[in-house]
Structure formats: structure tokens, C-alpha cells
């Protein structure tokens, strides 16, 4: 587990339990829906930044973190992950993916 000296951020559900197992007592607040939605977007930015900075051996773990945040964002907006996959498939069929590495200049 990464050591964290930051205060005030959204954490995974088991983190308070893990902190207790290490002999410390976490200070935890349960967020209301609006604050939770905002915290999820902040978390997505945090995890995306970590993915961008990840070394080759860390990429899969960082992608997993981004995916978990995206799943939570979908859920809080009333979508099941299957709904997101269906929307992604439709968009891919209409506009393509990112496999050709095209970079539009200007």
C-alpha cells in the first residue's frame, strides 16, 4: 500500500480497514451525493495523472485504478457498466477507435 500524507481525498472502500490493521485510526467522512460526484472527478484526474507518469511495469495497475473510478462514476449516474460498454461499442462503430494512431494536426 502506498503511504499517503495527503489529507482529504476519496479512497477505496477497504482503505480505512487497512489503516486500522496497521494500528492507526483513520478520520473518515461519508460524502453526500454531490460531494461524492465531485470527489470522483478529482480522483479520476489523480489516477489519470498517475497513469501518465507510470513506468512500464506499473501501467496495468494504474489502468485498473482509472477503470475502478470510471465504474463508480457510471454507477453514481445510474448506469451499469454494461450500459457504458454498449455506448462505447456504438461510438466505436460510428467513429472508430484509437488503434490507427491518427493525430489530427490543427
Protein backbone atom coordinates (compact mmCIF):
# COMPACT_ATOMS: atom_id res chain seq x y z
CA UNK A 1 0.00 0.00 0.00
CA UNK A 2 1.29 3.45 -0.89
CA UNK A 3 1.92 5.70 2.07
CA UNK A 4 -0.26 8.77 1.95
CA UNK A 5 0.42 12.03 3.72
CA UNK A 6 -2.36 13.82 1.80
CA UNK A 7 -5.48 14.85 3.62
CA UNK A 8 -8.94 14.97 2.13
CA UNK A 9 -9.29 12.60 -0.76
CA UNK A 10 -11.59 9.83 -1.88
CA UNK A 11 -10.21 6.38 -1.09
CA UNK A 12 -11.21 2.81 -1.89
CA UNK A 13 -13.73 1.18 0.45
CA UNK A 14 -11.26 -1.02 2.32
CA UNK A 15 -8.62 1.66 2.98
CA UNK A 16 -9.95 2.65 6.44
CA UNK A 17 -9.92 -1.04 7.44
CA UNK A 18 -6.36 -1.45 6.15
CA UNK A 19 -5.25 1.64 8.07
CA UNK A 20 -6.77 0.16 11.25
CA UNK A 21 -4.93 -3.12 10.61
CA UNK A 22 -1.71 -1.09 10.69
CA UNK A 23 -2.53 0.27 14.15
CA UNK A 24 -3.80 3.71 13.19
CA UNK A 25 -7.30 5.19 13.36
CA UNK A 26 -8.47 6.94 10.18
CA UNK A 27 -10.69 10.01 10.21
CA UNK A 28 -13.38 9.26 7.63
CA UNK A 29 -16.36 11.23 6.35
CA UNK A 30 -19.09 9.70 4.19
CA UNK A 31 -19.79 12.12 1.36
CA UNK A 32 -23.19 13.21 0.18
CA UNK A 33 -24.07 12.61 -3.47
CA UNK A 34 -22.94 15.99 -4.87
CA UNK A 35 -19.64 15.92 -2.98
CA UNK A 36 -19.13 12.28 -3.96
CA UNK A 37 -19.59 13.09 -7.66
CA UNK A 38 -17.05 15.91 -7.38
CA UNK A 39 -14.61 13.73 -5.45
CA UNK A 40 -14.89 11.03 -8.11
CA UNK A 41 -13.93 13.50 -10.83
CA UNK A 42 -10.97 14.68 -8.74
CA UNK A 43 -9.99 11.04 -8.22
CA UNK A 44 -10.21 10.39 -11.97
CA UNK A 45 -7.82 13.28 -12.58
CA UNK A 46 -5.46 11.96 -9.86
CA UNK A 47 -5.48 8.42 -11.24
CA UNK A 48 -5.09 9.63 -14.85
CA UNK A 49 -2.04 11.63 -13.80
CA UNK A 50 -0.58 8.56 -12.09
CA UNK A 51 -1.21 6.54 -15.26
CA UNK A 52 0.52 9.16 -17.36
CA UNK A 53 3.57 9.05 -15.06
CA UNK A 54 3.60 5.25 -14.63
CA UNK A 55 6.54 3.12 -15.62
CA UNK A 56 6.07 0.14 -17.91
CA UNK A 57 5.59 -2.28 -15.01
CA UNK A 58 3.00 -0.04 -13.31
CA UNK A 59 0.73 0.68 -16.29
CA UNK A 60 -1.71 -2.22 -15.76
CA UNK A 61 -2.22 -1.32 -12.10
CA UNK A 62 -2.82 2.34 -12.93
CA UNK A 63 -5.28 1.44 -15.71
CA UNK A 64 -7.12 -0.70 -13.14
CA UNK A 65 -7.36 2.32 -10.82
CA UNK A 66 -8.76 4.51 -13.61
CA UNK A 67 -11.24 1.78 -14.52
CA UNK A 68 -12.46 1.46 -10.92
CA UNK A 69 -13.10 5.20 -10.73
CA UNK A 70 -14.92 5.13 -14.07
CA UNK A 71 -17.11 2.28 -12.81
CA UNK A 72 -18.02 4.34 -9.74
CA UNK A 73 -18.80 7.40 -11.87
CA UNK A 74 -21.07 5.30 -14.09
CA UNK A 75 -22.85 3.86 -11.04
CA UNK A 76 -23.43 7.24 -9.35
CA UNK A 77 -25.01 8.47 -12.58
CA UNK A 78 -27.34 5.47 -12.68
CA UNK A 79 -25.55 3.38 -15.32
CA UNK A 80 -24.48 -0.22 -15.15
CA UNK A 81 -21.09 -0.98 -16.67
CA UNK A 82 -22.82 -2.92 -19.47
CA UNK A 83 -24.54 0.35 -20.47
CA UNK A 84 -21.15 2.03 -20.78
CA UNK A 85 -19.75 -0.85 -22.83
CA UNK A 86 -22.77 -0.66 -25.16
CA UNK A 87 -22.29 3.10 -25.61
CA UNK A 88 -18.58 2.57 -26.27
CA UNK A 89 -19.32 -0.10 -28.89
CA UNK A 90 -21.79 2.20 -30.65
CA UNK A 91 -19.32 5.08 -30.65
CA UNK A 92 -16.53 2.80 -31.89
CA UNK A 93 -18.76 1.56 -34.74
CA UNK A 94 -19.68 5.12 -35.72
CA UNK A 95 -16.36 6.94 -35.22
CA UNK A 96 -13.73 4.23 -34.83
CA UNK A 97 -11.28 3.52 -32.03
CA UNK A 98 -7.77 4.89 -31.48
CA UNK A 99 -5.84 1.98 -32.96
CA UNK A 100 -4.56 3.71 -36.13
CA UNK A 101 -2.67 6.32 -34.07
CA UNK A 102 -4.05 9.20 -36.17
CA UNK A 103 -3.11 12.61 -34.78
CA UNK A 104 -5.07 15.48 -36.33
CA UNK A 105 -2.85 18.49 -36.88
CA UNK A 106 -4.57 21.82 -36.35
